[in-house]
Amino acid sequence: MTKLLIDADGCPVVDIACETAKKFGLSVVLICDTAHEMSRPGAETIIVSKGMDAVDFVLVNRVQKGDIVVTQDYGLAAMVLAKQGFAIDQNGREYTPGNIDQLLLSRHTAKKIRQAGGRLKGPKKRRKEDDRQFAQSLTRMFSDN
């Protein structure tokens, strides 16, 4: 059975994702590190030690074919896709084989700019419309899979 796994460290849509999964009768697994401990009723919570990519590795080891993952991390999304899972970001953009390479390239380019001393704009302030778009996209993913 498909389940929803959430890269919960700093994820602004945990509540929306849990509520949406509940409507579809899907189990939810929250994975976070000790700096971001959280729990939600009806969801399994896995807390891992702080460390670079610690949450990502636990999550990717638990994902199975057909599972849906909520993450902002392009690298994690790529690993989920490789395991035949589905991935979506906090704004409702689905990661696909058709867009993941470009997203990884943009992440790499941004890192190079920062390493050279350059500065980039941060993310826009979150709006209620972003939450609505996420909920609609996640509902569509659950309906399609």
N, C-alpha and C. Protein backbone atom coordinates (compact mmCIF):
# COMPACT_ATOMS: atom_id res chain seq x y z
N MET A 1 0.83 -1.18 0.00
CA MET A 1 0.00 0.00 0.00
C MET A 1 0.88 1.25 0.00
N THR A 2 0.50 2.20 -0.80
CA THR A 2 1.22 3.47 -0.87
C THR A 2 1.18 4.18 0.47
N LYS A 3 2.31 4.80 0.82
CA LYS A 3 2.33 5.61 2.03
C LYS A 3 2.95 6.97 1.68
N LEU A 4 2.78 7.92 2.58
CA LEU A 4 3.33 9.26 2.42
C LEU A 4 4.47 9.42 3.40
N LEU A 5 5.64 9.75 2.88
CA LEU A 5 6.80 10.03 3.72
C LEU A 5 7.12 11.51 3.59
N ILE A 6 7.40 12.15 4.73
CA ILE A 6 7.64 13.59 4.72
C ILE A 6 9.02 13.87 5.28
N ASP A 7 9.84 14.56 4.49
CA ASP A 7 11.12 15.11 4.93
C ASP A 7 10.73 16.32 5.78
N ALA A 8 10.53 16.08 7.08
CA ALA A 8 9.83 17.04 7.92
C ALA A 8 10.70 18.20 8.44
N ASP A 9 12.00 18.13 8.28
CA ASP A 9 12.86 19.22 8.74
C ASP A 9 12.52 20.50 7.98
N GLY A 10 11.94 21.45 8.67
CA GLY A 10 11.64 22.74 8.05
C GLY A 10 10.54 22.70 7.01
N CYS A 11 9.74 21.66 6.98
CA CYS A 11 8.68 21.53 5.98
C CYS A 11 7.45 22.32 6.42
N PRO A 12 7.02 23.30 5.62
CA PRO A 12 5.90 24.15 6.02
C PRO A 12 4.52 23.53 5.78
N VAL A 13 4.45 22.35 5.19
CA VAL A 13 3.14 21.77 4.83
C VAL A 13 2.87 20.43 5.51
N VAL A 14 3.50 20.18 6.64
CA VAL A 14 3.31 18.90 7.33
C VAL A 14 1.83 18.68 7.66
N ASP A 15 1.18 19.69 8.23
CA ASP A 15 -0.22 19.52 8.63
C ASP A 15 -1.12 19.28 7.42
N ILE A 16 -0.92 20.04 6.36
CA ILE A 16 -1.73 19.87 5.14
C ILE A 16 -1.52 18.46 4.57
N ALA A 17 -0.27 18.01 4.52
CA ALA A 17 0.04 16.69 3.97
C ALA A 17 -0.61 15.59 4.81
N CYS A 18 -0.52 15.72 6.12
CA CYS A 18 -1.12 14.70 7.01
C CYS A 18 -2.64 14.66 6.85
N GLU A 19 -3.27 15.83 6.81
CA GLU A 19 -4.73 15.90 6.64
C GLU A 19 -5.16 15.29 5.30
N THR A 20 -4.43 15.60 4.25
CA THR A 20 -4.77 15.10 2.92
C THR A 20 -4.60 13.58 2.86
N ALA A 21 -3.50 13.07 3.43
CA ALA A 21 -3.27 11.63 3.44
C ALA A 21 -4.37 10.91 4.23
N LYS A 22 -4.80 11.51 5.32
CA LYS A 22 -5.85 10.91 6.15
C LYS A 22 -7.13 10.73 5.34
N LYS A 23 -7.47 11.71 4.49
CA LYS A 23 -8.68 11.63 3.66
C LYS A 23 -8.64 10.42 2.73
N PHE A 24 -7.41 10.02 2.34
CA PHE A 24 -7.25 8.89 1.43
C PHE A 24 -6.92 7.59 2.18
N GLY A 25 -6.88 7.65 3.49
CA GLY A 25 -6.60 6.46 4.29
C GLY A 25 -5.16 5.97 4.18
N LEU A 26 -4.24 6.89 3.87
CA LEU A 26 -2.84 6.50 3.72
C LEU A 26 -2.06 6.71 5.01
N SER A 27 -1.10 5.85 5.25
CA SER A 27 -0.24 6.04 6.42
C SER A 27 0.79 7.13 6.12
N VAL A 28 1.20 7.81 7.17
CA VAL A 28 2.14 8.93 7.06
C VAL A 28 3.34 8.65 7.95
N VAL A 29 4.53 8.89 7.41
CA VAL A 29 5.76 8.77 8.17
C VAL A 29 6.48 10.12 8.12
N LEU A 30 6.67 10.73 9.29
CA LEU A 30 7.43 11.97 9.41
C LEU A 30 8.85 11.61 9.79
N ILE A 31 9.82 12.14 9.08
CA ILE A 31 11.21 11.88 9.40
C ILE A 31 11.88 13.22 9.63
N CYS A 32 12.44 13.39 10.83
CA CYS A 32 13.08 14.66 11.17
C CYS A 32 14.31 14.38 12.04
N ASP A 33 15.14 15.41 12.21
CA ASP A 33 16.29 15.23 13.08
C ASP A 33 15.99 15.84 14.45
N THR A 34 16.92 15.66 15.38
CA THR A 34 16.69 16.08 16.76
C THR A 34 16.50 17.59 16.90
N ALA A 35 16.93 18.37 15.94
CA ALA A 35 16.74 19.82 15.99
C ALA A 35 15.34 20.23 15.55
N HIS A 36 14.59 19.33 14.92
CA HIS A 36 13.27 19.65 14.39
C HIS A 36 12.20 18.66 14.85
N GLU A 37 12.37 18.09 16.04
CA GLU A 37 11.45 17.04 16.51
C GLU A 37 10.00 17.49 16.43
N MET A 38 9.16 16.60 15.94
CA MET A 38 7.73 16.88 15.84
C MET A 38 6.97 15.58 15.82
N SER A 39 5.68 15.69 16.05
CA SER A 39 4.80 14.54 15.90
C SER A 39 3.43 15.07 15.52
N ARG A 40 2.65 14.22 14.90
CA ARG A 40 1.28 14.55 14.53
C ARG A 40 0.42 13.33 14.82
N PRO A 41 -0.81 13.54 15.28
CA PRO A 41 -1.69 12.41 15.56
C PRO A 41 -1.88 11.53 14.32
N GLY A 42 -1.74 10.24 14.51
CA GLY A 42 -1.95 9.29 13.42
C GLY A 42 -0.76 9.08 12.50
N ALA A 43 0.32 9.82 12.74
CA ALA A 43 1.51 9.67 11.89
C ALA A 43 2.64 9.02 12.69
N GLU A 44 3.39 8.17 12.03
CA GLU A 44 4.60 7.61 12.63
C GLU A 44 5.69 8.66 12.54
N THR A 45 6.45 8.84 13.60
CA THR A 45 7.55 9.80 13.58
C THR A 45 8.86 9.07 13.80
N ILE A 46 9.82 9.35 12.94
CA ILE A 46 11.16 8.80 13.08
C ILE A 46 12.10 9.98 13.30
N ILE A 47 12.82 9.96 14.41
CA ILE A 47 13.75 11.04 14.73
C ILE A 47 15.16 10.49 14.60
N VAL A 48 15.97 11.18 13.81
CA VAL A 48 17.35 10.74 13.57
C VAL A 48 18.31 11.78 14.14
N SER A 49 19.54 11.38 14.33
CA SER A 49 20.57 12.30 14.80
C SER A 49 20.80 13.40 13.78
N LYS A 50 21.20 14.57 14.30
CA LYS A 50 21.53 15.66 13.39
C LYS A 50 22.76 15.25 12.58
N GLY A 51 22.79 15.66 11.36
CA GLY A 51 23.92 15.36 10.51
C GLY A 51 23.53 15.60 9.07
N MET A 52 24.50 15.97 8.27
CA MET A 52 24.23 16.27 6.88
C MET A 52 23.58 15.08 6.19
N ASP A 53 22.40 15.28 5.66
CA ASP A 53 21.66 14.27 4.90
C ASP A 53 21.20 13.07 5.72
N ALA A 54 21.25 13.14 7.04
CA ALA A 54 20.84 12.00 7.87
C ALA A 54 19.37 11.64 7.61
N VAL A 55 18.51 12.65 7.58
CA VAL A 55 17.08 12.40 7.32
C VAL A 55 16.90 11.81 5.92
N ASP A 56 17.62 12.37 4.95
CA ASP A 56 17.49 11.92 3.57
C ASP A 56 17.79 10.43 3.43
N PHE A 57 18.85 9.97 4.07
CA PHE A 57 19.24 8.57 3.93
C PHE A 57 18.24 7.63 4.61
N VAL A 58 17.73 8.03 5.75
CA VAL A 58 16.71 7.20 6.41
C VAL A 58 15.46 7.14 5.53
N LEU A 59 15.07 8.29 5.00
CA LEU A 59 13.86 8.33 4.17
C LEU A 59 14.02 7.48 2.92
N VAL A 60 15.11 7.66 2.21
CA VAL A 60 15.27 6.92 0.94
C VAL A 60 15.38 5.41 1.19
N ASN A 61 15.87 5.02 2.35
CA ASN A 61 15.93 3.59 2.67
C ASN A 61 14.56 3.02 3.01
N ARG A 62 13.60 3.86 3.36
CA ARG A 62 12.25 3.39 3.70
C ARG A 62 11.28 3.47 2.53
N VAL A 63 11.59 4.31 1.53
CA VAL A 63 10.65 4.50 0.43
C VAL A 63 10.58 3.24 -0.43
N GLN A 64 9.36 2.92 -0.85
CA GLN A 64 9.13 1.77 -1.72
C GLN A 64 8.42 2.23 -2.98
N LYS A 65 8.43 1.39 -3.98
CA LYS A 65 7.78 1.71 -5.25
C LYS A 65 6.35 2.18 -4.99
N GLY A 66 6.01 3.34 -5.58
CA GLY A 66 4.66 3.87 -5.46
C GLY A 66 4.43 4.81 -4.29
N ASP A 67 5.38 4.85 -3.34
CA ASP A 67 5.23 5.77 -2.21
C ASP A 67 5.37 7.22 -2.70
N ILE A 68 4.81 8.13 -1.93
CA ILE A 68 4.88 9.55 -2.25
C ILE A 68 5.68 10.25 -1.16
N VAL A 69 6.61 11.11 -1.57
CA VAL A 69 7.50 11.81 -0.64
C VAL A 69 7.32 13.31 -0.81
N VAL A 70 7.24 14.01 0.32
CA VAL A 70 7.22 15.47 0.31
C VAL A 70 8.61 15.93 0.74
N THR A 71 9.28 16.68 -0.13
CA THR A 71 10.62 17.17 0.18
C THR A 71 10.93 18.42 -0.63
N GLN A 72 11.81 19.25 -0.09
CA GLN A 72 12.31 20.41 -0.81
C GLN A 72 13.67 20.11 -1.44
N ASP A 73 14.19 18.93 -1.17
CA ASP A 73 15.56 18.56 -1.55
C ASP A 73 15.58 17.84 -2.90
N TYR A 74 16.19 18.47 -3.89
CA TYR A 74 16.25 17.89 -5.24
C TYR A 74 17.02 16.57 -5.25
N GLY A 75 18.09 16.49 -4.48
CA GLY A 75 18.87 15.25 -4.44
C GLY A 75 18.07 14.09 -3.90
N LEU A 76 17.33 14.34 -2.82
CA LEU A 76 16.47 13.30 -2.26
C LEU A 76 15.38 12.92 -3.25
N ALA A 77 14.80 13.92 -3.90
CA ALA A 77 13.76 13.64 -4.90
C ALA A 77 14.30 12.74 -6.01
N ALA A 78 15.53 12.98 -6.45
CA ALA A 78 16.13 12.15 -7.49
C ALA A 78 16.27 10.70 -7.02
N MET A 79 16.66 10.51 -5.76
CA MET A 79 16.80 9.14 -5.23
C MET A 79 15.43 8.47 -5.12
N VAL A 80 14.41 9.23 -4.74
CA VAL A 80 13.05 8.67 -4.65
C VAL A 80 12.57 8.23 -6.03
N LEU A 81 12.80 9.07 -7.04
CA LEU A 81 12.41 8.71 -8.41
C LEU A 81 13.14 7.45 -8.86
N ALA A 82 14.42 7.31 -8.49
CA ALA A 82 15.19 6.13 -8.88
C ALA A 82 14.61 4.86 -8.26
N LYS A 83 13.95 5.00 -7.11
CA LYS A 83 13.33 3.85 -6.45
C LYS A 83 11.87 3.68 -6.87
N GLN A 84 11.46 4.38 -7.92
CA GLN A 84 10.12 4.32 -8.50
C GLN A 84 9.04 4.85 -7.54
N GLY A 85 9.46 5.83 -6.71
CA GLY A 85 8.51 6.55 -5.89
C GLY A 85 8.14 7.84 -6.59
N PHE A 86 7.29 8.60 -5.93
CA PHE A 86 6.86 9.90 -6.46
C PHE A 86 7.28 10.96 -5.45
N ALA A 87 7.60 12.15 -5.93
CA ALA A 87 8.04 13.21 -5.03
C ALA A 87 7.40 14.53 -5.42
N ILE A 88 7.12 15.35 -4.41
CA ILE A 88 6.47 16.64 -4.59
C ILE A 88 7.11 17.63 -3.62
N ASP A 89 7.21 18.89 -4.04
CA ASP A 89 7.78 19.88 -3.12
C ASP A 89 6.67 20.60 -2.37
N GLN A 90 7.04 21.50 -1.49
CA GLN A 90 6.09 22.17 -0.61
C GLN A 90 5.17 23.14 -1.35
N ASN A 91 5.46 23.42 -2.60
CA ASN A 91 4.60 24.30 -3.40
C ASN A 91 3.73 23.53 -4.38
N GLY A 92 3.83 22.21 -4.36
CA GLY A 92 2.99 21.40 -5.22
C GLY A 92 3.62 21.01 -6.55
N ARG A 93 4.91 21.33 -6.73
CA ARG A 93 5.58 20.92 -7.97
C ARG A 93 5.99 19.46 -7.83
N GLU A 94 5.56 18.65 -8.80
CA GLU A 94 5.94 17.25 -8.80
C GLU A 94 7.31 17.12 -9.46
N TYR A 95 8.19 16.39 -8.79
CA TYR A 95 9.49 16.06 -9.39
C TYR A 95 9.25 14.89 -10.33
N THR A 96 9.81 14.98 -11.53
CA THR A 96 9.61 13.94 -12.53
C THR A 96 10.94 13.63 -13.22
N PRO A 97 11.01 12.50 -13.92
CA PRO A 97 12.22 12.24 -14.71
C PRO A 97 12.47 13.36 -15.74
N GLY A 98 11.42 14.07 -16.13
CA GLY A 98 11.56 15.14 -17.11
C GLY A 98 12.08 16.45 -16.57
N ASN A 99 12.01 16.67 -15.23
CA ASN A 99 12.49 17.94 -14.70
C ASN A 99 13.62 17.81 -13.68
N ILE A 100 13.89 16.62 -13.20
CA ILE A 100 14.85 16.49 -12.10
C ILE A 100 16.28 16.85 -12.51
N ASP A 101 16.70 16.50 -13.72
CA ASP A 101 18.07 16.82 -14.13
C ASP A 101 18.29 18.33 -14.17
N GLN A 102 17.32 19.08 -14.69
CA GLN A 102 17.45 20.54 -14.74
C GLN A 102 17.47 21.13 -13.32
N LEU A 103 16.66 20.60 -12.44
CA LEU A 103 16.65 21.09 -11.05
C LEU A 103 17.98 20.81 -10.36
N LEU A 104 18.54 19.62 -10.57
CA LEU A 104 19.84 19.31 -9.99
C LEU A 104 20.93 20.21 -10.55
N LEU A 105 20.86 20.50 -11.85
CA LEU A 105 21.83 21.40 -12.46
C LEU A 105 21.72 22.80 -11.88
N SER A 106 20.51 23.28 -11.67
CA SER A 106 20.34 24.63 -11.11
C SER A 106 20.86 24.67 -9.67
N ARG A 107 20.67 23.59 -8.92
CA ARG A 107 21.21 23.53 -7.56
C ARG A 107 22.74 23.58 -7.59
N HIS A 108 23.33 22.82 -8.49
CA HIS A 108 24.78 22.80 -8.62
C HIS A 108 25.32 24.18 -9.01
N THR A 109 24.66 24.82 -9.96
CA THR A 109 25.09 26.15 -10.41
C THR A 109 24.99 27.16 -9.27
N ALA A 110 23.90 27.11 -8.50
CA ALA A 110 23.74 28.03 -7.37
C ALA A 110 24.84 27.81 -6.33
N LYS A 111 25.20 26.57 -6.10
CA LYS A 111 26.26 26.26 -5.14
C LYS A 111 27.59 26.86 -5.62
N LYS A 112 27.87 26.73 -6.90
CA LYS A 112 29.11 27.29 -7.46
C LYS A 112 29.15 28.81 -7.30
N ILE A 113 28.02 29.46 -7.54
CA ILE A 113 27.94 30.92 -7.39
C ILE A 113 28.21 31.32 -5.94
N ARG A 114 27.61 30.60 -5.00
CA ARG A 114 27.82 30.91 -3.58
C ARG A 114 29.27 30.66 -3.18
N GLN A 115 29.86 29.57 -3.68
CA GLN A 115 31.26 29.27 -3.34
C GLN A 115 32.22 30.33 -3.87
N ALA A 116 31.83 30.98 -4.96
CA ALA A 116 32.67 32.03 -5.55
C ALA A 116 32.42 33.39 -4.89
N GLY A 117 31.56 33.40 -3.86
CA GLY A 117 31.30 34.64 -3.15
C GLY A 117 30.06 35.38 -3.62
N GLY A 118 29.37 34.81 -4.58
CA GLY A 118 28.16 35.45 -5.09
C GLY A 118 26.99 35.27 -4.15
N ARG A 119 25.98 36.06 -4.35
CA ARG A 119 24.77 35.98 -3.54
C ARG A 119 23.57 35.74 -4.44
N LEU A 120 22.62 34.99 -3.93
CA LEU A 120 21.39 34.69 -4.67
C LEU A 120 20.20 35.09 -3.81
N LYS A 121 19.08 35.37 -4.47
CA LYS A 121 17.85 35.68 -3.73
C LYS A 121 17.37 34.43 -3.01
N GLY A 122 16.81 34.63 -1.84
CA GLY A 122 16.21 33.53 -1.09
C GLY A 122 14.81 33.26 -1.60
N PRO A 123 14.15 32.29 -1.01
CA PRO A 123 12.79 31.97 -1.44
C PRO A 123 11.82 33.09 -1.08
N LYS A 124 10.74 33.17 -1.84
CA LYS A 124 9.69 34.14 -1.57
C LYS A 124 8.96 33.77 -0.29
N LYS A 125 8.35 34.76 0.34
CA LYS A 125 7.54 34.51 1.53
C LYS A 125 6.36 33.60 1.15
N ARG A 126 6.09 32.63 2.01
CA ARG A 126 5.01 31.67 1.75
C ARG A 126 3.65 32.36 1.83
N ARG A 127 2.77 32.01 0.88
CA ARG A 127 1.42 32.59 0.82
C ARG A 127 0.39 31.48 0.99
N LYS A 128 -0.83 31.85 1.34
CA LYS A 128 -1.92 30.87 1.45
C LYS A 128 -2.15 30.16 0.12
N GLU A 129 -1.94 30.87 -0.98
CA GLU A 129 -2.09 30.28 -2.31
C GLU A 129 -1.11 29.12 -2.51
N ASP A 130 0.09 29.24 -1.95
CA ASP A 130 1.08 28.15 -2.03
C ASP A 130 0.54 26.90 -1.32
N ASP A 131 -0.10 27.10 -0.16
CA ASP A 131 -0.67 25.98 0.57
C ASP A 131 -1.80 25.33 -0.22
N ARG A 132 -2.65 26.15 -0.83
CA ARG A 132 -3.76 25.61 -1.64
C ARG A 132 -3.22 24.81 -2.83
N GLN A 133 -2.20 25.37 -3.48
CA GLN A 133 -1.61 24.68 -4.65
C GLN A 133 -1.01 23.34 -4.23
N PHE A 134 -0.32 23.33 -3.08
CA PHE A 134 0.25 22.08 -2.58
C PHE A 134 -0.85 21.05 -2.32
N ALA A 135 -1.90 21.46 -1.61
CA ALA A 135 -2.99 20.53 -1.28
C ALA A 135 -3.64 19.97 -2.54
N GLN A 136 -3.86 20.81 -3.54
CA GLN A 136 -4.46 20.35 -4.80
C GLN A 136 -3.54 19.36 -5.51
N SER A 137 -2.27 19.67 -5.58
CA SER A 137 -1.32 18.79 -6.27
C SER A 137 -1.17 17.46 -5.55
N LEU A 138 -1.12 17.49 -4.22
CA LEU A 138 -0.99 16.25 -3.46
C LEU A 138 -2.25 15.40 -3.61
N THR A 139 -3.41 16.03 -3.57
CA THR A 139 -4.67 15.30 -3.78
C THR A 139 -4.67 14.64 -5.15
N ARG A 140 -4.22 15.35 -6.16
CA ARG A 140 -4.15 14.78 -7.52
C ARG A 140 -3.20 13.59 -7.55
N MET A 141 -2.05 13.71 -6.88
CA MET A 141 -1.10 12.58 -6.85
C MET A 141 -1.72 11.36 -6.18
N PHE A 142 -2.42 11.58 -5.06
CA PHE A 142 -3.06 10.45 -4.37
C PHE A 142 -4.13 9.82 -5.26
N SER A 143 -4.88 10.64 -5.96
CA SER A 143 -5.95 10.14 -6.84
C SER A 143 -5.39 9.35 -8.01
N ASP A 144 -4.25 9.79 -8.55
CA ASP A 144 -3.64 9.15 -9.71
C ASP A 144 -2.88 7.87 -9.37
N ASN A 145 -2.47 7.73 -8.12
CA ASN A 145 -1.60 6.59 -7.76
C ASN A 145 -2.23 5.66 -6.81
